[in-house]
Amino acid sequence: MQPKSKYPIVIAIDGTSASGKSTNARLVAKALGFVHVDTGAMYRALAWYCLKHGVDPQDPKAVAAACRRWQASLECVDGHVHLLVDGYLPAKEIRTAEVSAAVPHVAAVPRVRDWMKKTQRECIKFGNLVMEGRDIGTNVFPETDFKYYLDAHLEERARRRAAEGVEENLAARDLRDSQRAAAPLMIALGARVINNSQMTSEQTSGRIIADVKQRLAEREGMGAGR
């Protein structure tokens, strides 16, 4: 059951690669009846579009131009927000190794991040959100009271990636994400930091769900006492 609120609630879940953002965001959204938004998939969609149309992901000007001209739109199906490209959902295509390699370069382009921020903020039209990414609490919805930052030891995150059959230099990815000029990866002001190196997804999401419910109850209590 969704909590009563005059305005939609946004739960921001940021964190490093392989820190469990996607799994936990889905679990939290399902438990609370919120809409789930995977912002990483949006960047992947643009990276796929660039590769499909022969745009060099490492050419910022070309990527920015592609972002200006592509026909992308939001849709919400079964509690999940998707970014359609020319009316098509490239669900499998955006998960290839080639797209994964291109994403960090595409995501570092300032004009791309501006476009993504505007589009991601539009997701509020679908209702209460659980939005995962790398700059949700710092850049996309800095005003939300519900900010969480997930992390885990590098060795554990590498193990998780390997279990998925993905080879990725996570240390290099962390460095790129934290040092980029546009909306770098960082812990948002007021965010609850959760290191889940020794935690299951159920334990991690359970901690977030309990915290959200407690604070919503406190908020309603304060409102009732006025």
Protein backbone atom coordinates (compact mmCIF):
# COMPACT_ATOMS: atom_id res chain seq x y z
CA MET A 1 0.00 0.00 0.00
CA GLN A 2 1.38 3.39 -0.94
CA PRO A 3 1.71 5.90 1.89
CA LYS A 4 -0.56 8.94 1.79
CA SER A 5 1.25 12.04 0.59
CA LYS A 6 0.23 15.24 -1.10
CA TYR A 7 3.26 15.04 -3.35
CA PRO A 8 4.93 11.94 -4.84
CA ILE A 9 7.73 10.51 -2.74
CA VAL A 10 11.13 9.78 -4.27
CA ILE A 11 13.48 7.22 -2.73
CA ALA A 12 16.95 7.81 -4.18
CA ILE A 13 19.31 4.83 -4.21
CA ASP A 14 22.80 5.71 -5.38
CA GLY A 15 26.03 3.79 -5.17
CA THR A 16 29.02 2.22 -6.79
CA SER A 17 28.95 -0.40 -9.54
CA ALA A 18 27.83 -3.86 -8.35
CA SER A 19 26.71 -2.50 -4.99
CA GLY A 20 23.26 -3.99 -5.52
CA LYS A 21 21.40 -0.85 -6.55
CA SER A 22 19.18 -2.51 -9.15
CA THR A 23 18.21 -5.58 -7.12
CA ASN A 24 17.50 -3.59 -3.97
CA ALA A 25 15.65 -0.81 -5.78
CA ARG A 26 13.31 -3.39 -7.31
CA LEU A 27 12.75 -5.06 -3.93
CA VAL A 28 12.06 -1.76 -2.19
CA ALA A 29 9.69 -0.60 -4.93
CA LYS A 30 7.76 -3.87 -4.85
CA ALA A 31 7.46 -3.86 -1.06
CA LEU A 32 6.21 -0.28 -0.90
CA GLY A 33 4.11 -0.29 -4.06
CA PHE A 34 6.28 2.40 -5.66
CA VAL A 35 7.33 2.74 -9.30
CA HIS A 36 10.88 1.57 -10.07
CA VAL A 37 13.19 3.66 -12.25
CA ASP A 38 16.55 2.30 -13.43
CA THR A 39 18.39 5.40 -14.65
CA GLY A 40 21.40 3.33 -15.69
CA ALA A 41 19.22 1.68 -18.33
CA MET A 42 18.49 5.13 -19.76
CA TYR A 43 22.18 5.86 -20.24
CA ARG A 44 22.62 2.39 -21.71
CA ALA A 45 19.82 3.11 -24.18
CA LEU A 46 21.65 6.18 -25.43
CA ALA A 47 24.94 4.28 -25.63
CA TRP A 48 23.19 1.58 -27.69
CA TYR A 49 21.64 4.23 -29.93
CA CYS A 50 25.06 5.79 -30.53
CA LEU A 51 26.66 2.46 -31.41
CA LYS A 52 23.75 1.52 -33.67
CA HIS A 53 24.06 4.78 -35.60
CA GLY A 54 27.85 4.81 -35.86
CA VAL A 55 28.41 7.55 -33.27
CA ASP A 56 31.75 7.30 -31.45
CA PRO A 57 30.93 7.06 -27.70
CA GLN A 58 34.24 8.77 -26.95
CA ASP A 59 33.37 11.84 -29.04
CA PRO A 60 31.48 14.16 -26.61
CA LYS A 61 30.23 16.51 -29.34
CA ALA A 62 28.90 13.66 -31.46
CA VAL A 63 27.23 12.04 -28.44
CA ALA A 64 25.63 15.35 -27.41
CA ALA A 65 24.31 15.79 -30.96
CA ALA A 66 22.88 12.27 -30.92
CA CYS A 67 21.16 12.99 -27.62
CA ARG A 68 19.56 16.08 -29.13
CA ARG A 69 18.15 14.28 -32.14
CA TRP A 70 17.10 10.86 -30.87
CA GLN A 71 13.38 10.19 -30.38
CA ALA A 72 13.09 8.85 -26.84
CA SER A 73 9.99 8.67 -24.64
CA LEU A 74 9.03 7.41 -21.19
CA GLU A 75 6.51 4.68 -20.47
CA CYS A 76 5.51 2.94 -17.25
CA VAL A 77 4.56 -0.73 -17.46
CA ASP A 78 3.89 -3.01 -14.48
CA GLY A 79 5.49 -0.59 -12.05
CA HIS A 80 8.69 -0.07 -14.04
CA VAL A 81 9.62 3.02 -16.05
CA HIS A 82 11.28 2.38 -19.42
CA LEU A 83 12.86 4.66 -21.99
CA LEU A 84 11.65 3.82 -25.48
CA VAL A 85 13.82 4.65 -28.48
CA ASP A 86 11.69 5.37 -31.56
CA GLY A 87 8.92 3.51 -29.78
CA TYR A 88 11.12 0.44 -29.21
CA LEU A 89 12.39 -0.97 -25.90
CA PRO A 90 15.95 -2.31 -26.37
CA ALA A 91 15.83 -4.41 -23.20
CA LYS A 92 18.35 -7.07 -24.24
CA GLU A 93 20.46 -4.93 -26.56
CA ILE A 94 21.49 -2.50 -23.79
CA ARG A 95 23.03 -5.30 -21.71
CA THR A 96 25.79 -6.28 -24.12
CA ALA A 97 29.49 -5.95 -23.28
CA GLU A 98 29.89 -3.39 -26.07
CA VAL A 99 27.23 -1.14 -24.59
CA SER A 100 28.66 -1.59 -21.08
CA ALA A 101 32.04 -0.37 -22.33
CA ALA A 102 30.47 2.66 -24.01
CA VAL A 103 28.22 3.78 -21.15
CA PRO A 104 30.85 5.52 -18.95
CA HIS A 105 31.93 7.70 -21.88
CA VAL A 106 28.38 8.60 -22.88
CA ALA A 107 27.38 9.29 -19.28
CA ALA A 108 30.27 11.72 -18.78
CA VAL A 109 28.96 14.16 -21.41
CA PRO A 110 27.45 17.21 -19.60
CA ARG A 111 24.67 17.77 -22.15
CA VAL A 112 23.68 14.13 -21.86
CA ARG A 113 23.43 14.43 -18.10
CA ASP A 114 21.33 17.58 -18.47
CA TRP A 115 18.93 15.76 -20.79
CA MET A 116 18.80 12.75 -18.48
CA LYS A 117 18.15 14.88 -15.41
CA LYS A 118 15.21 16.60 -17.09
CA THR A 119 13.79 13.30 -18.32
CA GLN A 120 14.31 11.50 -15.02
CA ARG A 121 12.58 14.28 -13.09
CA GLU A 122 9.60 13.85 -15.44
CA CYS A 123 9.16 10.33 -14.03
CA ILE A 124 7.43 11.89 -11.04
CA LYS A 125 4.28 11.95 -13.18
CA PHE A 126 4.04 8.19 -12.62
CA GLY A 127 3.70 8.58 -8.83
CA ASN A 128 5.90 7.56 -5.90
CA LEU A 129 9.32 6.46 -7.14
CA VAL A 130 12.30 4.34 -6.18
CA MET A 131 15.01 5.70 -8.46
CA GLU A 132 18.44 4.13 -8.69
CA GLY A 133 21.59 5.56 -10.19
CA ARG A 134 24.75 7.44 -9.39
CA ASP A 135 23.55 11.01 -8.96
CA ILE A 136 19.90 10.77 -7.90
CA GLY A 137 20.34 12.20 -4.42
CA THR A 138 22.95 14.74 -5.46
CA ASN A 139 21.67 15.96 -8.82
CA VAL A 140 18.32 14.59 -10.00
CA PHE A 141 16.24 14.77 -6.80
CA PRO A 142 18.48 16.49 -4.23
CA GLU A 143 15.37 17.73 -2.42
CA THR A 144 14.14 14.27 -1.42
CA ASP A 145 14.35 13.27 2.23
CA PHE A 146 14.88 9.61 1.34
CA LYS A 147 18.46 9.14 0.18
CA TYR A 148 20.50 5.95 0.38
CA TYR A 149 24.02 5.20 -0.78
CA LEU A 150 25.00 1.56 -1.30
CA ASP A 151 28.56 0.33 -1.35
CA ALA A 152 30.57 -2.84 -0.82
CA HIS A 153 34.23 -3.76 -0.72
CA LEU A 154 35.85 -3.80 -4.15
CA GLU A 155 36.65 -7.52 -3.90
CA GLU A 156 33.02 -8.33 -3.13
CA ARG A 157 31.72 -6.18 -5.96
CA ALA A 158 34.18 -7.82 -8.37
CA ARG A 159 32.94 -11.23 -7.20
CA ARG A 160 29.35 -10.22 -7.89
CA ARG A 161 30.20 -9.01 -11.39
CA ALA A 162 32.08 -12.23 -12.12
CA ALA A 163 29.07 -14.26 -10.95
CA GLU A 164 27.02 -12.39 -13.56
CA GLY A 165 29.55 -13.38 -16.21
CA VAL A 166 30.70 -9.79 -16.63
CA GLU A 167 34.32 -8.66 -16.66
CA GLU A 168 34.67 -5.03 -15.66
CA ASN A 169 37.45 -2.97 -14.12
CA LEU A 170 35.40 -1.64 -11.23
CA ALA A 171 38.23 0.40 -9.73
CA ALA A 172 38.64 2.28 -13.01
CA ARG A 173 34.86 2.73 -13.30
CA ASP A 174 34.67 4.11 -9.76
CA LEU A 175 37.46 6.55 -10.55
CA ARG A 176 35.81 7.76 -13.78
CA ASP A 177 32.44 8.16 -12.11
CA SER A 178 33.80 10.08 -9.13
CA GLN A 179 36.08 12.37 -11.13
CA ARG A 180 33.82 13.34 -14.03
CA ALA A 181 32.99 17.02 -14.22
CA ALA A 182 29.24 16.55 -14.67
CA ALA A 183 27.34 15.17 -11.63
CA PRO A 184 30.13 12.99 -10.23
CA LEU A 185 29.42 9.95 -8.08
CA MET A 186 29.41 11.06 -4.45
CA ILE A 187 27.47 10.54 -1.25
CA ALA A 188 24.51 12.92 -1.14
CA LEU A 189 24.08 15.25 1.81
CA GLY A 190 21.91 13.47 4.36
CA ALA A 191 22.13 10.05 2.67
CA ARG A 192 22.10 6.86 4.75
CA VAL A 193 25.20 4.88 3.77
CA ILE A 194 24.86 1.09 3.69
CA ASN A 195 27.89 -1.13 3.14
CA ASN A 196 26.34 -4.45 2.17
CA SER A 197 29.52 -6.48 1.70
CA GLN A 198 28.27 -9.03 4.24
CA MET A 199 24.55 -8.57 3.62
CA THR A 200 22.02 -10.30 1.40
CA SER A 201 19.74 -8.33 -0.89
CA GLU A 202 16.84 -9.07 1.45
CA GLN A 203 18.78 -7.66 4.41
CA THR A 204 19.83 -4.55 2.47
CA SER A 205 16.40 -3.79 1.06
CA GLY A 206 14.83 -4.65 4.42
CA ARG A 207 16.92 -1.99 6.12
CA ILE A 208 15.84 0.63 3.57
CA ILE A 209 12.17 -0.38 3.74
CA ALA A 210 12.15 -0.27 7.54
CA ASP A 211 13.83 3.14 7.56
CA VAL A 212 11.40 4.57 5.00
CA LYS A 213 8.35 3.22 6.85
CA GLN A 214 9.60 4.58 10.16
CA ARG A 215 10.22 8.05 8.80
CA LEU A 216 6.91 8.13 6.94
CA ALA A 217 5.13 7.17 10.15
CA GLU A 218 6.98 9.93 12.02
CA ARG A 219 6.03 12.39 9.27
CA GLU A 220 2.36 11.44 9.50
CA GLY A 221 2.52 11.66 13.28
CA MET A 222 3.91 15.17 13.10
CA GLY A 223 1.18 16.12 10.63
CA ALA A 224 -1.54 14.73 12.87
CA GLY A 225 -0.18 16.64 15.82
CA ARG A 226 -0.46 20.03 14.16
